[in-house]
Amino acid sequence: MTRATRILIVDDDPLMREIASAKLADAGYATLTAENGRDALGKLKGAQVELVIADLDMPVMTGYALTEAMRRSKDLRTTPVIVITGSEHAEAVERAFAVGATSFVAKPVNWTLLSHAVKFVLKAARDQRALRIARDQAEAGARFRDSLMSLMSHELRTPLNAIIGFGQILGEQFERNHDHVHREYADYIVDGGRRLLNSVSDMLLASDARSGPIAINDVDCVLHDIFDLALTQTEKSTAAMDAKIRLAVHDPDLEVRCDRQLIARAISKLIDNSLKFGERGVEIIVASMRSDAGDLVIVVKDNGPGIAPEKLRAATQPFTQLDMSLRRSKEGLGLGLPLVRAIASAHGARFRLDANPGKGACAAIIFPAARVGVKSVARDVEPEQAMMGRAS
């Protein structure tokens, strides 16, 4: 048998309490009564009351004070409160809403309207309760997913490093024995292990980015060292695609305060993106320049197929590729551009992507002047110019 909804009626007028109890009982509700706010707070403890109807003007403890006390209570802060007021001043209602009232009824009470108001407020309260439960479940699921992703990423790294390391040892042994067939097999093992390790590292970084800004190791880095590291990371895939990379660094000796590994990783992911979606022999320009304001602009531009404007936003969402079917020809988790954005954000930099079908893609990471050294004289180039390729 379903328990009737319990309502607490708070009023210093006993006749009012009796009439309200009778009217609500006729509508199918169970009622409790209290003669002032302090009495009401005592009866609310453990009573499983779903709604409070309270007069505003009462001795000992007013309806305002009762509502305010309920909103401070962990157990009562979501319990709806309908206030009853005989005041003709709008300030009374405004004050009631300010302390947390849900709705109000004016005296003399229209009991039919009160019954409808009770029904409406209870339904709204239950809907809000269901939304809170759904939100809490979603947040708990997200925390579990992120924790699992982080845990699995850490647990997978150790065996993957062992696979890669021993695969390299086997490959070197086969090379010394001139066993080129087995050397090729060993290379497949190493390449597969590295690819999986990169995916695991990307997932871990994506998990970190979800929970807040990525932690960075800020040091003063020379620009050409960052580019060398990025190009080394993409050397094999560049050769496999017979791609042509042109480096156009305005001041290679310029110092940038950043996390060298992460910035090189971001640049390499932009290059990988151009390689992945470009044709064989794709031409890629990797460049850097200074703006009027002293900002450093790092640009990766290609002459590939580009991206339709309506698909640009989707391209920067995590775990998204333009083709996410299982039959897609392009591999990857769809984390490249989102991670570039997260890495840029962690450095206080901006990430821009401009791509049009048939005109290639141009991505830029724009570092604030505060992160850039002063070894060289700035060249008058705007970040927006770099994005459109006019400075390449």
Protein backbone atom coordinates (compact mmCIF):
# COMPACT_ATOMS: atom_id res chain seq x y z
CA MET A 1 0.00 0.00 0.00
CA THR A 2 1.36 3.40 -1.00
CA ARG A 3 1.96 5.80 1.89
CA ALA A 4 0.06 9.09 1.57
CA THR A 5 2.15 12.18 0.97
CA ARG A 6 2.87 13.85 4.30
CA ILE A 7 2.44 17.63 4.63
CA LEU A 8 3.31 19.78 7.66
CA ILE A 9 1.01 22.75 8.30
CA VAL A 10 2.56 25.52 10.42
CA ASP A 11 0.28 28.29 11.72
CA ASP A 12 -0.29 29.95 15.07
CA ASP A 13 -4.06 30.02 14.41
CA PRO A 14 -5.55 26.65 15.56
CA LEU A 15 -8.67 27.15 13.42
CA MET A 16 -6.49 27.67 10.33
CA ARG A 17 -4.54 24.52 11.13
CA GLU A 18 -7.75 22.50 11.55
CA ILE A 19 -9.35 23.71 8.29
CA ALA A 20 -6.15 23.22 6.29
CA SER A 21 -5.73 19.70 7.70
CA ALA A 22 -9.32 18.79 6.78
CA LYS A 23 -9.10 20.19 3.25
CA LEU A 24 -5.80 18.45 2.52
CA ALA A 25 -7.00 15.20 4.08
CA ASP A 26 -9.99 15.29 1.70
CA ALA A 27 -7.49 15.61 -1.17
CA GLY A 28 -5.73 12.43 0.00
CA TYR A 29 -2.78 13.88 1.92
CA ALA A 30 -1.57 12.97 5.42
CA THR A 31 -1.02 16.05 7.60
CA LEU A 32 0.95 17.11 10.65
CA THR A 33 0.53 20.47 12.40
CA ALA A 34 2.79 22.86 14.31
CA GLU A 35 1.97 26.19 15.96
CA ASN A 36 5.23 28.02 15.14
CA GLY A 37 8.53 27.60 13.33
CA ARG A 38 10.44 26.16 16.27
CA ASP A 39 7.74 23.54 16.86
CA ALA A 40 7.84 22.73 13.13
CA LEU A 41 11.61 22.15 13.11
CA GLY A 42 11.21 19.65 15.94
CA LYS A 43 8.48 17.73 14.09
CA LEU A 44 10.38 17.74 10.82
CA LYS A 45 13.17 15.56 12.28
CA GLY A 46 12.62 12.06 10.95
CA ALA A 47 9.00 12.73 9.96
CA GLN A 48 9.55 12.23 6.18
CA VAL A 49 7.58 15.34 5.35
CA GLU A 50 7.45 16.14 1.61
CA LEU A 51 5.98 19.65 1.85
CA VAL A 52 5.71 22.43 4.43
CA ILE A 53 2.89 25.02 4.36
CA ALA A 54 3.78 27.84 6.73
CA ASP A 55 2.29 31.17 7.78
CA LEU A 56 4.82 33.99 7.57
CA ASP A 57 3.75 35.93 10.66
CA MET A 58 3.99 33.72 13.77
CA PRO A 59 5.29 34.25 17.32
CA VAL A 60 8.41 32.47 18.63
CA MET A 61 9.72 31.70 15.15
CA THR A 62 8.33 33.23 11.92
CA GLY A 63 7.81 31.53 8.59
CA TYR A 64 10.79 33.47 7.24
CA ALA A 65 13.08 32.11 9.96
CA LEU A 66 11.69 28.58 9.53
CA THR A 67 12.33 28.61 5.78
CA GLU A 68 15.83 30.02 6.27
CA ALA A 69 16.62 27.35 8.89
CA MET A 70 15.38 24.60 6.56
CA ARG A 71 17.60 25.82 3.72
CA ARG A 72 20.63 25.66 6.03
CA SER A 73 19.81 22.07 7.02
CA LYS A 74 21.39 19.25 4.99
CA ASP A 75 18.27 17.09 5.40
CA LEU A 76 15.66 19.80 4.77
CA ARG A 77 17.27 22.11 2.19
CA THR A 78 15.34 20.55 -0.72
CA THR A 79 11.96 20.24 1.04
CA PRO A 80 9.53 22.63 -0.73
CA VAL A 81 7.85 25.39 1.32
CA ILE A 82 4.59 27.14 0.46
CA VAL A 83 4.20 30.31 2.53
CA ILE A 84 0.87 31.88 3.46
CA THR A 85 0.78 35.64 3.85
CA GLY A 86 -1.91 38.12 4.76
CA SER A 87 0.34 41.06 3.91
CA GLU A 88 -0.64 43.23 0.98
CA HIS A 89 2.94 44.32 0.44
CA ALA A 90 4.94 42.66 -2.32
CA GLU A 91 8.06 42.98 -0.17
CA ALA A 92 6.78 40.16 2.07
CA VAL A 93 6.62 37.71 -0.83
CA GLU A 94 9.98 38.87 -2.21
CA ARG A 95 11.57 38.38 1.21
CA ALA A 96 10.02 34.90 1.46
CA PHE A 97 11.47 33.89 -1.91
CA ALA A 98 14.82 35.41 -0.93
CA VAL A 99 15.11 33.06 2.08
CA GLY A 100 14.10 30.01 0.02
CA ALA A 101 10.29 29.76 -0.26
CA THR A 102 9.04 27.65 -3.17
CA SER A 103 5.62 29.25 -3.68
CA PHE A 104 3.09 31.41 -1.82
CA VAL A 105 -0.64 31.66 -1.13
CA ALA A 106 -2.41 34.87 -0.05
CA LYS A 107 -5.04 35.16 2.70
CA PRO A 108 -7.94 34.65 2.68
CA VAL A 109 -7.00 31.21 1.38
CA ASN A 110 -8.75 29.82 -1.68
CA TRP A 111 -8.72 26.14 -0.70
CA THR A 112 -9.30 24.87 -4.23
CA LEU A 113 -6.33 26.87 -5.51
CA LEU A 114 -4.25 25.72 -2.53
CA SER A 115 -4.95 22.08 -3.42
CA HIS A 116 -3.77 22.71 -6.99
CA ALA A 117 -0.72 24.62 -5.75
CA VAL A 118 0.20 21.70 -3.48
CA LYS A 119 -0.13 19.25 -6.36
CA PHE A 120 2.04 21.45 -8.64
CA VAL A 121 4.75 22.07 -6.04
CA LEU A 122 4.97 18.38 -5.09
CA LYS A 123 5.29 17.34 -8.75
CA ALA A 124 8.02 19.95 -9.35
CA ALA A 125 9.86 18.80 -6.21
CA ARG A 126 9.75 15.15 -7.30
CA ASP A 127 10.97 16.06 -10.79
CA GLN A 128 13.86 18.01 -9.27
CA ARG A 129 14.65 15.07 -6.97
CA ALA A 130 14.75 12.73 -9.98
CA LEU A 131 17.04 15.16 -11.81
CA ARG A 132 19.38 15.37 -8.80
CA ILE A 133 19.54 11.57 -8.60
CA ALA A 134 20.25 11.33 -12.35
CA ARG A 135 22.91 14.04 -12.07
CA ASP A 136 24.57 12.33 -9.10
CA GLN A 137 24.56 9.00 -10.93
CA ALA A 138 26.04 10.62 -14.05
CA GLU A 139 28.76 12.34 -12.00
CA ALA A 140 29.53 9.09 -10.17
CA GLY A 141 29.73 7.28 -13.51
CA ALA A 142 32.05 9.95 -14.91
CA ARG A 143 34.31 9.73 -11.83
CA PHE A 144 34.39 5.93 -12.09
CA ARG A 145 35.19 6.10 -15.80
CA ASP A 146 37.99 8.59 -15.30
CA SER A 147 39.43 6.59 -12.38
CA LEU A 148 39.26 3.37 -14.39
CA MET A 149 40.86 5.03 -17.40
CA SER A 150 43.66 6.46 -15.25
CA LEU A 151 44.21 3.14 -13.46
CA MET A 152 44.24 1.08 -16.66
CA SER A 153 46.55 3.57 -18.35
CA HIS A 154 49.06 3.28 -15.51
CA GLU A 155 48.75 -0.52 -15.35
CA LEU A 156 49.25 -0.94 -19.12
CA ARG A 157 52.36 1.21 -19.35
CA THR A 158 54.69 -1.21 -17.53
CA PRO A 159 53.99 -4.30 -19.69
CA LEU A 160 53.96 -2.20 -22.86
CA ASN A 161 57.38 -0.73 -22.04
CA ALA A 162 58.63 -4.30 -21.50
CA ILE A 163 57.20 -5.42 -24.85
CA ILE A 164 58.80 -2.48 -26.65
CA GLY A 165 62.16 -2.87 -24.88
CA PHE A 166 62.52 -6.61 -25.41
CA GLY A 167 61.19 -6.25 -28.97
CA GLN A 168 64.04 -3.83 -29.69
CA ILE A 169 66.57 -6.25 -28.16
CA LEU A 170 65.25 -9.09 -30.33
CA GLY A 171 65.35 -6.85 -33.41
CA GLU A 172 68.98 -5.91 -32.77
CA GLN A 173 69.86 -9.60 -32.27
CA PHE A 174 68.18 -10.57 -35.54
CA GLU A 175 70.00 -7.70 -37.28
CA ARG A 176 73.36 -8.96 -36.04
CA ASN A 177 72.47 -12.45 -37.32
CA HIS A 178 71.37 -10.99 -40.66
CA ASP A 179 67.92 -12.48 -40.11
CA HIS A 180 65.97 -9.74 -41.86
CA VAL A 181 62.63 -11.58 -41.86
CA HIS A 182 62.52 -11.95 -38.09
CA ARG A 183 63.96 -8.45 -37.70
CA GLU A 184 60.91 -7.19 -39.61
CA TYR A 185 58.62 -9.19 -37.29
CA ALA A 186 60.33 -7.67 -34.26
CA ASP A 187 59.85 -4.20 -35.75
CA TYR A 188 56.11 -4.90 -36.09
CA ILE A 189 56.02 -5.82 -32.38
CA VAL A 190 57.85 -2.62 -31.41
CA ASP A 191 55.69 -0.42 -33.66
CA GLY A 192 52.48 -2.00 -32.37
CA GLY A 193 53.62 -1.58 -28.76
CA ARG A 194 54.54 2.06 -29.34
CA ARG A 195 51.23 2.78 -31.02
CA LEU A 196 49.33 1.22 -28.14
CA LEU A 197 51.52 3.03 -25.59
CA ASN A 198 50.80 6.34 -27.35
CA SER A 199 47.06 5.59 -27.22
CA VAL A 200 47.30 4.76 -23.51
CA SER A 201 49.25 7.97 -22.86
CA ASP A 202 46.64 9.96 -24.79
CA MET A 203 43.81 8.45 -22.75
CA LEU A 204 45.62 9.23 -19.50
CA LEU A 205 46.23 12.82 -20.61
CA ALA A 206 42.59 13.14 -21.69
CA SER A 207 41.50 11.85 -18.27
CA ASP A 208 43.73 14.43 -16.56
CA ALA A 209 42.34 17.18 -18.79
CA ARG A 210 38.75 16.28 -17.79
CA SER A 211 39.45 16.72 -14.10
CA GLY A 212 41.17 20.09 -14.49
CA PRO A 213 44.09 21.81 -16.21
CA ILE A 214 46.88 19.44 -17.21
CA ALA A 215 49.88 19.64 -14.86
CA ILE A 216 52.87 21.04 -16.74
CA ASN A 217 56.59 21.14 -16.05
CA ASP A 218 57.47 24.75 -16.87
CA VAL A 219 61.07 25.30 -17.98
CA ASP A 220 62.79 27.67 -20.39
CA CYS A 221 63.09 25.77 -23.68
CA VAL A 222 64.87 26.75 -26.89
CA LEU A 223 62.44 26.76 -29.79
CA HIS A 224 64.49 24.61 -32.18
CA ASP A 225 64.77 21.88 -29.51
CA ILE A 226 60.97 21.71 -29.32
CA PHE A 227 60.66 21.45 -33.11
CA ASP A 228 63.43 18.82 -33.31
CA LEU A 229 61.64 16.66 -30.75
CA ALA A 230 58.30 17.03 -32.54
CA LEU A 231 59.78 16.14 -35.93
CA THR A 232 61.61 13.14 -34.43
CA GLN A 233 58.32 11.80 -33.08
CA THR A 234 56.76 11.95 -36.57
CA GLU A 235 59.82 10.92 -38.58
CA LYS A 236 58.67 7.38 -39.38
CA SER A 237 55.10 8.29 -40.35
CA THR A 238 56.41 11.20 -42.45
CA ALA A 239 58.67 8.85 -44.39
CA ALA A 240 55.87 6.30 -44.82
CA MET A 241 53.64 8.97 -46.42
CA ASP A 242 56.52 10.38 -48.50
CA ALA A 243 55.48 13.74 -47.05
CA LYS A 244 57.45 16.94 -47.47
CA ILE A 245 57.87 19.01 -44.31
CA ARG A 246 59.27 22.53 -44.57
CA LEU A 247 60.46 24.15 -41.35
CA ALA A 248 60.19 27.95 -41.23
CA VAL A 249 61.28 29.08 -37.76
CA HIS A 250 61.80 32.83 -37.52
CA ASP A 251 64.11 32.63 -34.50
CA PRO A 252 65.24 29.06 -33.63
CA ASP A 253 67.14 30.28 -30.54
CA LEU A 254 64.11 31.96 -29.02
CA GLU A 255 63.30 30.72 -25.52
CA VAL A 256 59.78 29.76 -24.48
CA ARG A 257 58.71 28.92 -20.95
CA CYS A 258 56.70 25.72 -21.34
CA ASP A 259 56.57 21.96 -20.90
CA ARG A 260 58.90 20.86 -23.71
CA GLN A 261 57.55 17.32 -23.95
CA LEU A 262 53.90 18.41 -24.05
CA ILE A 263 54.39 21.18 -26.60
CA ALA A 264 56.42 18.88 -28.86
CA ARG A 265 53.65 16.33 -28.46
CA ALA A 266 51.04 18.90 -29.47
CA ILE A 267 53.04 19.89 -32.58
CA SER A 268 53.60 16.24 -33.51
CA LYS A 269 49.85 15.57 -33.21
CA LEU A 270 49.12 18.44 -35.59
CA ILE A 271 51.66 16.99 -38.04
CA ASP A 272 50.16 13.49 -37.59
CA ASN A 273 46.73 14.95 -38.32
CA SER A 274 47.99 16.40 -41.60
CA LEU A 275 49.64 13.09 -42.49
CA LYS A 276 46.60 11.01 -41.56
CA PHE A 277 44.11 12.95 -43.65
CA GLY A 278 46.42 14.11 -46.44
CA GLU A 279 47.31 12.33 -49.66
CA ARG A 280 50.65 10.64 -50.22
CA GLY A 281 53.30 13.31 -50.74
CA VAL A 282 51.35 15.90 -48.72
CA GLU A 283 53.27 19.13 -48.11
CA ILE A 284 53.37 20.45 -44.55
CA ILE A 285 54.76 23.74 -43.30
CA VAL A 286 55.80 23.96 -39.64
CA ALA A 287 56.50 27.57 -38.76
CA SER A 288 56.84 30.05 -35.91
CA MET A 289 56.68 33.84 -35.76
CA ARG A 290 56.09 36.74 -33.35
CA SER A 291 53.12 39.08 -33.32
CA ASP A 292 53.11 42.83 -32.70
CA ALA A 293 52.21 42.17 -29.07
CA GLY A 294 55.12 39.73 -28.67
CA ASP A 295 52.97 36.58 -28.76
CA LEU A 296 54.58 33.47 -30.23
CA VAL A 297 52.60 31.76 -32.99
CA ILE A 298 53.40 28.15 -33.89
CA VAL A 299 51.71 27.09 -37.13
CA VAL A 300 51.23 23.72 -38.81
CA LYS A 301 49.77 24.13 -42.30
CA ASP A 302 49.17 21.53 -45.02
CA ASN A 303 47.82 21.33 -48.54
CA GLY A 304 45.53 18.39 -47.77
CA PRO A 305 41.78 18.02 -48.37
CA GLY A 306 40.75 20.38 -45.54
CA ILE A 307 37.60 20.10 -43.41
CA ALA A 308 34.09 21.35 -44.08
CA PRO A 309 33.23 24.30 -41.76
CA GLU A 310 30.27 22.47 -40.22
CA LYS A 311 32.59 19.62 -39.17
CA LEU A 312 35.28 21.78 -37.56
CA ARG A 313 33.63 21.79 -34.11
CA ALA A 314 33.19 18.00 -34.10
CA ALA A 315 36.86 17.56 -35.05
CA THR A 316 37.98 19.09 -31.74
CA GLN A 317 35.69 16.96 -29.55
CA PRO A 318 37.25 14.01 -27.64
CA PHE A 319 36.93 10.52 -29.12
CA THR A 320 35.56 11.96 -32.36
CA GLN A 321 36.67 11.45 -35.93
CA LEU A 322 34.92 12.70 -39.02
CA ASP A 323 34.26 9.01 -39.78
CA MET A 324 33.66 7.01 -36.59
CA SER A 325 32.43 3.79 -38.25
CA LEU A 326 34.27 0.52 -37.64
CA ARG A 327 35.05 0.43 -41.38
CA ARG A 328 36.84 3.77 -41.34
CA SER A 329 40.22 3.90 -43.05
CA LYS A 330 41.83 6.31 -40.57
CA GLU A 331 43.06 4.89 -37.28
CA GLY A 332 43.13 6.67 -33.93
CA LEU A 333 41.05 7.54 -30.89
CA GLY A 334 40.01 10.98 -32.09
CA LEU A 335 41.99 12.62 -29.26
CA GLY A 336 44.62 14.49 -31.29
CA LEU A 337 43.06 17.94 -31.67
CA PRO A 338 41.29 17.89 -28.26
CA LEU A 339 44.64 17.12 -26.58
CA VAL A 340 46.33 19.93 -28.52
CA ARG A 341 43.65 22.29 -27.24
CA ALA A 342 44.05 20.98 -23.66
CA ILE A 343 47.84 21.33 -23.80
CA ALA A 344 47.56 24.87 -25.17
CA SER A 345 45.02 25.79 -22.48
CA ALA A 346 47.31 24.45 -19.72
CA HIS A 347 49.96 26.92 -20.94
CA GLY A 348 47.53 29.84 -21.13
CA ALA A 349 47.82 29.68 -24.92
CA ARG A 350 45.10 29.78 -27.58
CA PHE A 351 44.45 27.10 -30.17
CA ARG A 352 43.01 28.02 -33.55
CA LEU A 353 42.03 25.76 -36.45
CA ASP A 354 41.12 26.95 -39.92
CA ALA A 355 40.28 24.51 -42.68
CA ASN A 356 38.26 24.66 -45.87
CA PRO A 357 37.55 21.84 -48.34
CA GLY A 358 40.25 21.72 -51.02
CA LYS A 359 42.40 24.38 -49.32
CA GLY A 360 44.11 22.36 -46.62
CA ALA A 361 44.18 22.95 -42.89
CA CYS A 362 46.05 25.48 -40.81
CA ALA A 363 46.38 25.07 -37.04
CA ALA A 364 48.02 27.55 -34.69
CA ILE A 365 49.07 27.56 -31.05
CA ILE A 366 49.41 31.15 -29.84
CA PHE A 367 51.52 31.63 -26.68
CA PRO A 368 51.14 34.84 -24.66
CA ALA A 369 54.10 37.20 -24.69
CA ALA A 370 54.70 36.53 -20.98
CA ARG A 371 55.93 33.03 -21.87
CA VAL A 372 58.26 34.18 -24.62
CA GLY A 373 61.90 35.26 -24.21
CA VAL A 374 63.32 38.45 -25.68
CA LYS A 375 66.37 37.13 -27.51
CA SER A 376 65.11 38.23 -30.91
CA VAL A 377 63.37 41.25 -32.40
CA ALA A 378 59.68 40.59 -32.97
CA ARG A 379 58.47 40.45 -36.54
CA ASP A 380 55.21 42.23 -37.30
CA VAL A 381 52.91 39.28 -37.90
CA GLU A 382 49.44 38.91 -36.47
CA PRO A 383 48.24 35.51 -35.21
CA GLU A 384 45.23 35.81 -37.52
CA GLN A 385 47.56 36.27 -40.50
CA ALA A 386 49.39 33.12 -39.57
CA MET A 387 46.10 31.26 -39.35
CA MET A 388 45.17 32.24 -42.90
CA GLY A 389 48.56 31.20 -44.18
CA ARG A 390 49.65 34.66 -45.31
CA ALA A 391 52.84 34.40 -43.23
CA SER A 392 53.84 30.96 -44.51
